[in-house]
Amino acid sequence: MIRQATNDDIEEIVQLWYQVNVTAHAFISEDYWKSHFDEVKKMLPLAEIIVYEQNGVITGFVGLNDTYISGIFVSSDVQSKGIGKQLLDYAKKIKSELSLNVYQKNERATHFYLREGFIIKSEDMDTDNNEKEYLMVWKK
């Protein structure tokens, strides 16, 4: 089931954020994610968070700040089962355009967004961790 997150979901969401980032971004030190944990936890209630819930457990979510996707996160044990696509499709239904940044080394995510109609608009450097990233955009 896809639904809007509530404040009661924040702890579960931030734990999922952390676990997925550590797994998907092995090229970035786990300490980087740990150092941002509390900051992200404080910022989550300010974003529009849409969750995918299965049997009472949040297994994925997308974070939106207006038309910017802060990220799509799906638990590693249920990845490649269409949850990320369902969350992205939901975001596409409620927004006429979307943008996001993705690390170039995260080839799996880059291919996913390209397959889903995003284009690479520009390349940049994430100065927090010296990793190259793409700015990707999608329009209806």
C-alpha atoms as a PDB file:
ATOM      1  CA  MET A   1       0.000   0.000   0.000  1.00  0.00           C
ATOM      2  CA  ILE A   2       1.229   3.482  -0.861  1.00  0.00           C
ATOM      3  CA  ARG A   3       0.314   6.283   1.542  1.00  0.00           C
ATOM      4  CA  GLN A   4       1.484   9.580   2.964  1.00  0.00           C
ATOM      5  CA  ALA A   5       3.859   9.195   5.899  1.00  0.00           C
ATOM      6  CA  THR A   6       2.867  10.292   9.371  1.00  0.00           C
ATOM      7  CA  ASN A   7       5.054  11.566  12.209  1.00  0.00           C
ATOM      8  CA  ASP A   8       4.763   8.107  13.777  1.00  0.00           C
ATOM      9  CA  ASP A   9       6.662   6.702  10.760  1.00  0.00           C
ATOM     10  CA  ILE A  10       9.765   8.919  11.084  1.00  0.00           C
ATOM     11  CA  GLU A  11      11.925   6.505  13.120  1.00  0.00           C
ATOM     12  CA  GLU A  12      11.245   3.613  10.734  1.00  0.00           C
ATOM     13  CA  ILE A  13      11.855   5.849   7.710  1.00  0.00           C
ATOM     14  CA  VAL A  14      15.176   7.236   8.957  1.00  0.00           C
ATOM     15  CA  GLN A  15      16.421   3.718   9.740  1.00  0.00           C
ATOM     16  CA  LEU A  16      15.515   2.639   6.191  1.00  0.00           C
ATOM     17  CA  TRP A  17      17.239   5.765   4.811  1.00  0.00           C
ATOM     18  CA  TYR A  18      20.413   4.843   6.650  1.00  0.00           C
ATOM     19  CA  GLN A  19      20.418   1.145   5.718  1.00  0.00           C
ATOM     20  CA  VAL A  20      19.759   1.767   2.018  1.00  0.00           C
ATOM     21  CA  ASN A  21      22.378   4.523   1.753  1.00  0.00           C
ATOM     22  CA  VAL A  22      25.084   2.390   3.349  1.00  0.00           C
ATOM     23  CA  THR A  23      24.271  -0.527   1.036  1.00  0.00           C
ATOM     24  CA  ALA A  24      23.780   1.440  -2.197  1.00  0.00           C
ATOM     25  CA  HIS A  25      26.742   3.752  -1.703  1.00  0.00           C
ATOM     26  CA  ALA A  26      29.594   1.473  -0.680  1.00  0.00           C
ATOM     27  CA  PHE A  27      31.933   4.023  -2.280  1.00  0.00           C
ATOM     28  CA  ILE A  28      31.068   6.508   0.513  1.00  0.00           C
ATOM     29  CA  SER A  29      32.192   5.979   4.096  1.00  0.00           C
ATOM     30  CA  GLU A  30      29.510   4.711   6.454  1.00  0.00           C
ATOM     31  CA  ASP A  31      30.621   7.487   8.819  1.00  0.00           C
ATOM     32  CA  TYR A  32      29.272  10.032   6.323  1.00  0.00           C
ATOM     33  CA  TRP A  33      25.766   8.573   6.645  1.00  0.00           C
ATOM     34  CA  LYS A  34      26.080   8.273  10.433  1.00  0.00           C
ATOM     35  CA  SER A  35      27.091  11.932  10.682  1.00  0.00           C
ATOM     36  CA  HIS A  36      23.951  12.991   8.777  1.00  0.00           C
ATOM     37  CA  PHE A  37      21.505  10.692  10.581  1.00  0.00           C
ATOM     38  CA  ASP A  38      20.184  13.199  13.145  1.00  0.00           C
ATOM     39  CA  GLU A  39      20.008  16.004  10.571  1.00  0.00           C
ATOM     40  CA  VAL A  40      17.953  13.852   8.204  1.00  0.00           C
ATOM     41  CA  LYS A  41      15.678  12.768  11.047  1.00  0.00           C
ATOM     42  CA  LYS A  42      14.920  16.427  11.797  1.00  0.00           C
ATOM     43  CA  MET A  43      14.345  17.287   8.116  1.00  0.00           C
ATOM     44  CA  LEU A  44      12.046  14.357   7.254  1.00  0.00           C
ATOM     45  CA  PRO A  45       8.890  15.896   8.780  1.00  0.00           C
ATOM     46  CA  LEU A  46       9.454  18.993   6.598  1.00  0.00           C
ATOM     47  CA  ALA A  47       9.374  16.981   3.357  1.00  0.00           C
ATOM     48  CA  GLU A  48       6.515  15.245   1.597  1.00  0.00           C
ATOM     49  CA  ILE A  49       7.157  11.576   2.328  1.00  0.00           C
ATOM     50  CA  ILE A  50       5.264   8.826   0.548  1.00  0.00           C
ATOM     51  CA  VAL A  51       5.744   5.321   1.908  1.00  0.00           C
ATOM     52  CA  TYR A  52       5.224   1.828   0.594  1.00  0.00           C
ATOM     53  CA  GLU A  53       3.958  -0.375   3.390  1.00  0.00           C
ATOM     54  CA  GLN A  54       3.751  -4.166   3.359  1.00  0.00           C
ATOM     55  CA  ASN A  55       2.216  -6.114   6.235  1.00  0.00           C
ATOM     56  CA  GLY A  56       2.553  -3.109   8.537  1.00  0.00           C
ATOM     57  CA  VAL A  57       6.243  -2.570   7.674  1.00  0.00           C
ATOM     58  CA  ILE A  58       7.558   0.354   5.617  1.00  0.00           C
ATOM     59  CA  THR A  59       9.703  -1.244   2.915  1.00  0.00           C
ATOM     60  CA  GLY A  60      10.187   1.855   0.765  1.00  0.00           C
ATOM     61  CA  PHE A  61       9.657   5.574   0.557  1.00  0.00           C
ATOM     62  CA  VAL A  62      10.165   8.587  -1.657  1.00  0.00           C
ATOM     63  CA  GLY A  63      10.997  12.002  -0.230  1.00  0.00           C
ATOM     64  CA  LEU A  64       9.833  15.070  -2.139  1.00  0.00           C
ATOM     65  CA  ASN A  65      10.652  18.722  -1.643  1.00  0.00           C
ATOM     66  CA  ASP A  66       8.258  20.349  -4.091  1.00  0.00           C
ATOM     67  CA  THR A  67       9.376  18.776  -7.411  1.00  0.00           C
ATOM     68  CA  TYR A  68      12.790  17.607  -6.184  1.00  0.00           C
ATOM     69  CA  ILE A  69      13.169  13.939  -5.264  1.00  0.00           C
ATOM     70  CA  SER A  70      15.445  13.775  -2.251  1.00  0.00           C
ATOM     71  CA  GLY A  71      15.584  10.047  -2.784  1.00  0.00           C
ATOM     72  CA  ILE A  72      13.759   6.800  -3.366  1.00  0.00           C
ATOM     73  CA  PHE A  73      14.701   4.187  -0.801  1.00  0.00           C
ATOM     74  CA  VAL A  74      13.684   0.541  -0.919  1.00  0.00           C
ATOM     75  CA  SER A  75      14.755  -2.076   1.601  1.00  0.00           C
ATOM     76  CA  SER A  76      17.472  -4.293   0.102  1.00  0.00           C
ATOM     77  CA  ASP A  77      15.493  -7.486   0.749  1.00  0.00           C
ATOM     78  CA  VAL A  78      12.649  -6.322  -1.545  1.00  0.00           C
ATOM     79  CA  GLN A  79      14.555  -4.408  -4.212  1.00  0.00           C
ATOM     80  CA  SER A  80      13.872  -5.230  -7.875  1.00  0.00           C
ATOM     81  CA  LYS A  81      10.259  -6.117  -7.079  1.00  0.00           C
ATOM     82  CA  GLY A  82       8.689  -2.935  -8.501  1.00  0.00           C
ATOM     83  CA  ILE A  83       8.372  -0.944  -5.267  1.00  0.00           C
ATOM     84  CA  GLY A  84      10.673   1.877  -6.410  1.00  0.00           C
ATOM     85  CA  LYS A  85       8.787   2.104  -9.713  1.00  0.00           C
ATOM     86  CA  GLN A  86       5.445   2.265  -7.898  1.00  0.00           C
ATOM     87  CA  LEU A  87       6.716   5.069  -5.674  1.00  0.00           C
ATOM     88  CA  LEU A  88       8.118   6.948  -8.675  1.00  0.00           C
ATOM     89  CA  ASP A  89       4.879   6.446 -10.635  1.00  0.00           C
ATOM     90  CA  TYR A  90       2.971   7.895  -7.680  1.00  0.00           C
ATOM     91  CA  ALA A  91       5.259  10.944  -7.646  1.00  0.00           C
ATOM     92  CA  LYS A  92       4.772  11.356 -11.421  1.00  0.00           C
ATOM     93  CA  LYS A  93       0.984  11.370 -10.917  1.00  0.00           C
ATOM     94  CA  ILE A  94       1.093  14.228  -8.422  1.00  0.00           C
ATOM     95  CA  LYS A  95       3.863  16.310 -10.060  1.00  0.00           C
ATOM     96  CA  SER A  96       4.244  17.556 -13.628  1.00  0.00           C
ATOM     97  CA  GLU A  97       8.020  17.574 -13.435  1.00  0.00           C
ATOM     98  CA  LEU A  98      10.643  16.039 -11.177  1.00  0.00           C
ATOM     99  CA  SER A  99      14.372  16.420 -10.632  1.00  0.00           C
ATOM    100  CA  LEU A 100      16.962  14.609  -8.554  1.00  0.00           C
ATOM    101  CA  ASN A 101      20.670  14.122  -8.046  1.00  0.00           C
ATOM    102  CA  VAL A 102      22.239  10.682  -8.281  1.00  0.00           C
ATOM    103  CA  TYR A 103      25.841   9.644  -7.768  1.00  0.00           C
ATOM    104  CA  GLN A 104      27.489   8.590 -11.023  1.00  0.00           C
ATOM    105  CA  LYS A 105      28.899   5.507  -9.312  1.00  0.00           C
ATOM    106  CA  ASN A 106      25.361   4.424  -8.407  1.00  0.00           C
ATOM    107  CA  GLU A 107      24.859   2.916 -11.846  1.00  0.00           C
ATOM    108  CA  ARG A 108      21.836   0.874 -10.785  1.00  0.00           C
ATOM    109  CA  ALA A 109      19.923   4.012  -9.791  1.00  0.00           C
ATOM    110  CA  THR A 110      21.094   5.953 -12.859  1.00  0.00           C
ATOM    111  CA  HIS A 111      19.837   3.205 -15.190  1.00  0.00           C
ATOM    112  CA  PHE A 112      16.548   3.024 -13.276  1.00  0.00           C
ATOM    113  CA  TYR A 113      15.878   6.742 -13.722  1.00  0.00           C
ATOM    114  CA  LEU A 114      16.912   6.711 -17.388  1.00  0.00           C
ATOM    115  CA  ARG A 115      14.561   3.768 -17.988  1.00  0.00           C
ATOM    116  CA  GLU A 116      11.785   5.729 -16.272  1.00  0.00           C
ATOM    117  CA  GLY A 117      12.093   8.717 -18.625  1.00  0.00           C
ATOM    118  CA  PHE A 118      14.565  10.965 -16.817  1.00  0.00           C
ATOM    119  CA  ILE A 119      17.339  12.665 -18.756  1.00  0.00           C
ATOM    120  CA  ILE A 120      20.738  13.768 -17.518  1.00  0.00           C
ATOM    121  CA  LYS A 121      20.670  17.554 -17.479  1.00  0.00           C
ATOM    122  CA  SER A 122      24.127  18.199 -16.008  1.00  0.00           C
ATOM    123  CA  GLU A 123      27.058  16.771 -14.075  1.00  0.00           C
ATOM    124  CA  ASP A 124      28.365  18.212 -10.836  1.00  0.00           C
ATOM    125  CA  MET A 125      30.495  17.361  -7.814  1.00  0.00           C
ATOM    126  CA  ASP A 126      29.075  16.655  -4.375  1.00  0.00           C
ATOM    127  CA  THR A 127      31.625  18.619  -2.373  1.00  0.00           C
ATOM    128  CA  ASP A 128      30.626  16.889   0.903  1.00  0.00           C
ATOM    129  CA  ASN A 129      32.233  13.649  -0.240  1.00  0.00           C
ATOM    130  CA  ASN A 130      33.987  14.473  -3.535  1.00  0.00           C
ATOM    131  CA  GLU A 131      31.733  12.250  -5.628  1.00  0.00           C
ATOM    132  CA  LYS A 132      30.502  13.110  -9.109  1.00  0.00           C
ATOM    133  CA  GLU A 133      26.752  13.212  -9.541  1.00  0.00           C
ATOM    134  CA  TYR A 134      24.162  13.774 -12.229  1.00  0.00           C
ATOM    135  CA  LEU A 135      21.251  16.180 -12.106  1.00  0.00           C
ATOM    136  CA  MET A 136      18.409  14.296 -13.770  1.00  0.00           C
ATOM    137  CA  VAL A 137      15.022  15.706 -14.802  1.00  0.00           C
ATOM    138  CA  TRP A 138      11.656  14.352 -15.920  1.00  0.00           C
ATOM    139  CA  LYS A 139       8.662  16.217 -17.383  1.00  0.00           C
ATOM    140  CA  LYS A 140       5.182  15.007 -18.275  1.00  0.00           C
END
